[in-house]
N, C-alpha and C. Protein backbone atom coordinates (compact mmCIF):
# COMPACT_ATOMS: atom_id res chain seq x y z
N UNK A 1 17.03 -9.94 -8.74
CA UNK A 1 15.75 -8.50 -8.51
C UNK A 1 15.63 -8.14 -7.56
N UNK A 2 15.54 -6.76 -7.72
CA UNK A 2 15.52 -5.72 -6.09
C UNK A 2 14.66 -5.44 -5.95
N UNK A 3 13.59 -5.68 -5.40
CA UNK A 3 12.60 -4.51 -4.93
C UNK A 3 12.23 -3.75 -4.90
N UNK A 4 11.19 -2.68 -5.51
CA UNK A 4 10.58 -1.83 -5.70
C UNK A 4 9.74 -1.31 -4.53
N UNK A 5 9.71 0.05 -4.47
CA UNK A 5 8.79 0.78 -3.41
C UNK A 5 7.72 1.03 -4.09
N UNK A 6 6.14 1.62 -3.89
CA UNK A 6 5.26 2.44 -3.99
C UNK A 6 4.70 3.14 -2.71
N UNK A 7 4.39 4.53 -2.68
CA UNK A 7 3.33 5.30 -1.91
C UNK A 7 2.38 5.52 -1.80
N UNK A 8 1.00 5.22 -1.31
CA UNK A 8 -0.41 4.75 -1.25
C UNK A 8 -0.94 5.94 -0.04
N UNK A 9 -1.48 7.30 -0.72
CA UNK A 9 -1.21 8.51 0.40
C UNK A 9 -3.15 7.91 0.95
N UNK A 10 -3.29 7.64 2.03
CA UNK A 10 -3.89 7.18 3.04
C UNK A 10 -5.12 8.57 3.52
N UNK A 11 -6.20 8.40 3.91
CA UNK A 11 -7.02 9.59 4.14
C UNK A 11 -6.48 10.42 5.57
N UNK A 12 -5.92 9.39 6.35
CA UNK A 12 -5.24 9.51 7.64
C UNK A 12 -4.32 8.91 8.39
N UNK A 13 -3.44 9.55 8.81
CA UNK A 13 -2.55 8.08 9.81
C UNK A 13 -3.81 6.82 10.02
N UNK A 14 -4.74 7.07 10.59
CA UNK A 14 -5.12 5.97 11.74
C UNK A 14 -5.78 5.22 10.17
N UNK A 15 -6.52 5.59 9.04
CA UNK A 15 -6.28 5.04 7.53
C UNK A 15 -5.47 3.85 7.35
N UNK A 16 -4.15 5.05 7.15
CA UNK A 16 -2.65 3.90 7.08
C UNK A 16 -2.32 3.09 7.69
N UNK A 17 -2.61 2.66 8.88
CA UNK A 17 -2.42 2.12 9.86
C UNK A 17 -3.22 1.00 9.87
N UNK A 18 -4.19 1.16 9.57
CA UNK A 18 -5.54 0.11 9.55
C UNK A 18 -5.28 -0.58 7.87
N UNK A 19 -4.49 0.04 6.76
CA UNK A 19 -3.93 -0.94 6.17
C UNK A 19 -2.75 -1.36 6.16
N UNK A 20 -2.04 -1.26 7.18
CA UNK A 20 -0.81 -1.99 7.36
C UNK A 20 -0.97 -3.05 8.17
N UNK A 21 -2.20 -2.86 8.67
CA UNK A 21 -2.70 -3.58 9.77
C UNK A 21 -2.73 -4.60 8.89
N UNK A 22 -3.89 -4.87 7.91
CA UNK A 22 -4.45 -6.08 7.13
C UNK A 22 -3.54 -6.19 6.15
N UNK A 23 -2.50 -5.13 5.50
CA UNK A 23 -1.72 -6.19 4.98
C UNK A 23 -0.50 -6.80 4.80
N UNK A 24 0.27 -6.37 6.39
CA UNK A 24 1.68 -6.96 7.00
C UNK A 24 1.52 -8.40 6.63
N UNK A 25 2.55 -8.80 6.12
CA UNK A 25 2.55 -10.13 6.35
C UNK A 25 4.08 -10.92 6.77
N UNK A 26 3.90 -10.94 8.23
CA UNK A 26 4.59 -12.00 8.79
C UNK A 26 5.74 -12.70 7.80
N UNK A 27 7.16 -12.59 8.25
CA UNK A 27 8.19 -12.63 7.59
C UNK A 27 8.33 -13.24 6.42
N UNK A 28 7.53 -12.58 5.40
CA UNK A 28 7.97 -11.95 3.98
C UNK A 28 8.36 -10.79 3.88
N UNK A 29 9.65 -10.88 3.62
CA UNK A 29 10.64 -9.39 3.06
C UNK A 29 10.59 -8.69 2.40
N UNK A 30 9.97 -9.60 1.55
CA UNK A 30 9.77 -8.90 -0.45
C UNK A 30 8.90 -8.08 -0.38
N UNK A 31 7.95 -8.31 0.10
CA UNK A 31 6.10 -8.15 -0.16
C UNK A 31 5.73 -7.11 1.49
N UNK A 32 6.28 -6.55 1.12
CA UNK A 32 5.89 -5.52 2.15
C UNK A 32 4.97 -4.43 2.43
N UNK A 33 5.05 -3.62 4.21
CA UNK A 33 4.29 -2.25 4.22
C UNK A 33 4.77 -1.86 5.17
N UNK A 34 4.49 -0.32 5.04
CA UNK A 34 5.35 0.20 6.40
C UNK A 34 4.52 1.73 6.68
N UNK A 35 3.92 1.86 7.36
CA UNK A 35 3.34 3.55 7.86
C UNK A 35 4.48 3.90 7.81
N UNK A 36 3.91 5.43 6.62
CA UNK A 36 4.82 6.51 7.07
C UNK A 36 4.29 8.07 7.23
N UNK A 37 3.36 8.26 8.19
CA UNK A 37 2.64 9.31 8.54
C UNK A 37 1.00 8.38 7.56
N UNK A 38 0.27 9.63 6.60
CA UNK A 38 -1.13 9.11 6.29
C UNK A 38 -0.21 8.24 4.97
N UNK A 39 1.25 8.06 4.57
CA UNK A 39 1.26 7.33 3.67
C UNK A 39 1.47 5.85 3.67
N UNK A 40 1.18 5.22 3.09
CA UNK A 40 1.46 3.33 3.40
C UNK A 40 2.75 2.92 2.00
N UNK A 41 3.72 2.75 2.43
CA UNK A 41 4.68 2.59 2.00
C UNK A 41 4.71 1.25 1.76
N UNK A 42 4.77 0.14 0.13
CA UNK A 42 4.86 -0.56 -0.38
C UNK A 42 5.69 -1.35 -1.20
N UNK A 43 6.48 -2.25 -0.07
CA UNK A 43 7.74 -2.69 -1.31
C UNK A 43 7.12 -4.22 -1.84
N UNK A 44 7.79 -4.41 -2.90
CA UNK A 44 7.33 -5.56 -3.84
C UNK A 44 8.41 -6.06 -4.64
N UNK A 45 7.54 -6.63 -5.37
CA UNK A 45 8.73 -7.65 -6.20
C UNK A 45 7.85 -7.89 -7.58
N UNK A 46 6.84 -8.64 -7.09
CA UNK A 46 5.51 -8.83 -8.31
C UNK A 46 4.56 -7.72 -7.99
N UNK A 47 3.72 -6.73 -8.85
CA UNK A 47 2.91 -6.03 -9.34
C UNK A 47 1.83 -6.07 -8.46
N UNK A 48 1.54 -7.48 -8.75
CA UNK A 48 0.22 -8.01 -8.21
C UNK A 48 0.19 -7.38 -6.47
N UNK A 49 1.05 -7.59 -5.84
CA UNK A 49 1.41 -6.99 -4.58
C UNK A 49 0.69 -5.65 -4.29
N UNK A 50 1.03 -4.91 -5.03
CA UNK A 50 0.54 -3.50 -4.48
C UNK A 50 -0.64 -3.00 -5.18
N UNK A 51 -1.42 -3.86 -6.23
CA UNK A 51 -2.34 -3.57 -6.88
C UNK A 51 -3.26 -4.35 -5.58
N UNK A 52 -3.26 -5.30 -4.98
CA UNK A 52 -4.12 -6.05 -3.65
C UNK A 52 -4.13 -5.18 -2.83
N UNK A 53 -2.59 -4.40 -1.92
CA UNK A 53 -2.97 -3.21 -1.45
C UNK A 53 -3.99 -2.21 -1.72
N UNK A 54 -3.65 -1.43 -2.56
CA UNK A 54 -4.31 -0.48 -2.78
C UNK A 54 -5.76 -0.63 -3.04
N UNK A 55 -5.94 -1.78 -4.11
CA UNK A 55 -7.36 -2.24 -4.38
C UNK A 55 -8.17 -2.43 -2.43
N UNK A 56 -7.55 -3.08 -1.79
CA UNK A 56 -7.88 -3.30 -0.51
C UNK A 56 -8.40 -1.89 0.44
N UNK A 57 -7.21 -0.89 0.19
CA UNK A 57 -7.23 0.16 0.99
C UNK A 57 -8.74 1.05 0.03
N UNK A 58 -8.96 0.73 -1.18
CA UNK A 58 -10.21 1.81 -1.69
C UNK A 58 -11.04 0.90 -1.28
N UNK A 59 -11.03 -0.59 -1.35
CA UNK A 59 -12.89 -0.28 -1.30
C UNK A 59 -13.40 -0.41 0.64
N UNK A 60 -12.16 -0.08 1.42
CA UNK A 60 -12.46 0.23 2.67
C UNK A 60 -12.81 1.37 2.91
N UNK A 61 -12.53 2.32 2.00
CA UNK A 61 -12.30 3.62 2.32
C UNK A 61 -11.11 4.31 2.68
N UNK A 62 -10.16 3.47 2.93
CA UNK A 62 -9.07 4.42 3.47
C UNK A 62 -8.50 5.17 2.78
N UNK A 63 -8.92 5.16 1.22
CA UNK A 63 -7.84 5.94 0.03
C UNK A 63 -8.57 6.39 -0.66
N UNK A 64 -8.75 7.64 -1.11
CA UNK A 64 -9.61 8.72 -2.74
C UNK A 64 -8.86 7.46 -3.63
N UNK A 65 -9.86 7.67 -4.84
CA UNK A 65 -9.68 6.72 -5.79
C UNK A 65 -8.67 7.50 -6.50
N UNK A 66 -8.32 8.54 -6.78
CA UNK A 66 -7.09 9.36 -7.69
C UNK A 66 -5.94 8.68 -6.77
N UNK A 67 -5.81 9.04 -5.47
CA UNK A 67 -4.91 8.33 -4.58
C UNK A 67 -4.10 7.06 -5.40
N UNK A 68 -5.26 5.88 -5.55
CA UNK A 68 -5.32 4.90 -5.52
C UNK A 68 -4.78 4.42 -7.18
N UNK A 69 -5.19 5.26 -8.07
CA UNK A 69 -4.85 5.42 -9.50
C UNK A 69 -3.67 6.24 -9.62
N UNK A 70 -3.21 6.88 -8.79
CA UNK A 70 -1.91 6.91 -9.01
C UNK A 70 -0.98 6.10 -8.71
N UNK A 71 -0.93 5.40 -8.01
CA UNK A 71 -0.25 3.99 -7.48
C UNK A 71 -0.56 3.08 -8.58
N UNK A 72 -1.06 2.62 -8.99
CA UNK A 72 -1.67 1.92 -10.37
C UNK A 72 -0.94 2.53 -11.42
N UNK A 73 -0.28 4.10 -11.67
CA UNK A 73 0.13 4.76 -12.84
C UNK A 73 1.58 3.93 -13.00
N UNK A 74 1.96 4.07 -11.60
CA UNK A 74 3.42 3.82 -11.09
C UNK A 74 3.80 2.75 -11.56
N UNK A 75 3.27 1.60 -11.79
CA UNK A 75 3.50 -0.03 -11.75
C UNK A 75 3.80 -0.11 -13.09
């Protein structure tokens, strides 16, 4: 199975960097995060991974609820 990607738009590039720093899983080549400006690109095979990343970002004020909802709707 090839992994998929979704993008979470954060409130700023600094917020996106905080999400990437928190969610990075060294050695995991399937469930990944990387920064693209104010976006966090979330690579996954298991849909729970992007849900966890989006949930954490929202709880810590790094992304707005509507942006998080867009990611969830794409899954």
